[in-house]
Protein backbone atom coordinates (compact mmCIF):
# COMPACT_ATOMS: atom_id res chain seq x y z
CA UNK A 1 5.51 -1.06 -0.84
CA UNK A 2 3.03 -1.75 -3.63
CA UNK A 3 4.52 -4.35 -6.00
CA UNK A 4 2.28 -4.96 -9.00
CA UNK A 5 -0.81 -4.33 -6.88
CA UNK A 6 0.37 -6.54 -3.99
CA UNK A 7 1.26 -5.09 -0.58
CA UNK A 8 4.73 -5.82 0.74
CA UNK A 9 5.32 -4.84 4.35
CA UNK A 10 8.90 -3.74 5.02
CA UNK A 11 8.80 -5.12 8.55
CA UNK A 12 7.96 -8.64 7.28
CA UNK A 13 10.89 -8.69 4.83
CA UNK A 14 13.20 -7.15 7.44
CA UNK A 15 12.26 -9.86 9.97
CA UNK A 16 13.13 -12.62 7.49
CA UNK A 17 16.50 -11.08 6.64
CA UNK A 18 17.25 -10.31 10.30
CA UNK A 19 16.78 -14.01 11.09
CA UNK A 20 19.77 -14.90 8.89
CA UNK A 21 22.78 -15.57 11.15
CA UNK A 22 25.11 -13.32 9.12
CA UNK A 23 22.86 -10.24 9.27
CA UNK A 24 23.40 -7.57 11.91
CA UNK A 25 21.05 -4.89 10.64
CA UNK A 26 18.65 -4.46 7.72
CA UNK A 27 16.37 -1.81 6.22
CA UNK A 28 13.84 -2.55 3.46
CA UNK A 29 12.39 0.19 1.26
CA UNK A 30 10.63 0.64 -2.05
CA UNK A 31 12.23 1.66 -5.33
CA UNK A 32 10.32 2.85 -8.40
CA UNK A 33 9.87 0.27 -11.16
CA UNK A 34 8.38 1.01 -14.59
CA UNK A 35 6.66 -2.38 -14.89
CA UNK A 36 5.51 -3.11 -11.31
CA UNK A 37 5.19 0.39 -9.85
CA UNK A 38 7.61 -0.39 -7.04
CA UNK A 39 9.96 -3.19 -6.00
CA UNK A 40 11.47 -4.00 -2.61
CA UNK A 41 15.13 -3.26 -1.96
CA UNK A 42 17.19 -4.05 1.12
CA UNK A 43 20.24 -2.46 2.70
CA UNK A 44 22.01 -5.08 4.81
CA UNK A 45 24.87 -4.87 7.32
CA UNK A 46 26.66 -8.19 7.71
CA UNK A 47 28.68 -9.51 10.62
CA UNK A 48 32.40 -9.18 10.02
CA UNK A 49 34.15 -12.34 8.78
CA UNK A 50 35.70 -14.51 11.51
CA UNK A 51 39.21 -13.69 10.29
CA UNK A 52 40.47 -10.80 8.14
CA UNK A 53 41.39 -13.21 5.33
CA UNK A 54 37.98 -14.95 5.35
CA UNK A 55 35.25 -14.16 2.87
CA UNK A 56 32.12 -12.27 3.87
CA UNK A 57 29.67 -14.12 6.08
CA UNK A 58 26.96 -14.18 3.36
CA UNK A 59 26.68 -13.33 -0.32
CA UNK A 60 23.84 -11.48 -2.01
CA UNK A 61 22.79 -14.73 -3.68
CA UNK A 62 22.67 -16.51 -0.32
CA UNK A 63 20.51 -13.80 1.24
CA UNK A 64 18.14 -13.77 -1.74
CA UNK A 65 17.87 -17.56 -1.57
CA UNK A 66 17.10 -17.27 2.15
CA UNK A 67 14.28 -14.85 1.30
CA UNK A 68 12.94 -17.01 -1.55
CA UNK A 69 12.57 -19.93 0.85
CA UNK A 70 10.56 -17.85 3.32
CA UNK A 71 8.65 -15.20 1.35
CA UNK A 72 6.28 -14.99 -1.60
CA UNK A 73 8.16 -14.26 -4.83
CA UNK A 74 6.92 -10.67 -5.08
CA UNK A 75 8.21 -9.90 -1.56
CA UNK A 76 11.82 -10.93 -2.25
CA UNK A 77 14.01 -7.82 -2.59
CA UNK A 78 14.99 -7.00 -6.15
CA UNK A 79 18.17 -5.24 -5.02
């Protein structure tokens, strides 16, 4: 993925997301962006909650925060 002239390797972003304990499976891909050319996006499958009444194991904000702590800002998925 070419984000504003910077290379983003899907496998690197996938490895960071896969390391989150709530993530079962992830796929990262590029989406067109008028300003940057492309941005990263991620499709994530989460582990089921421990009980049917419990909330999801991780929110989108939590996963993005996880990525921000471990990746350069341009590599963090936009969606």
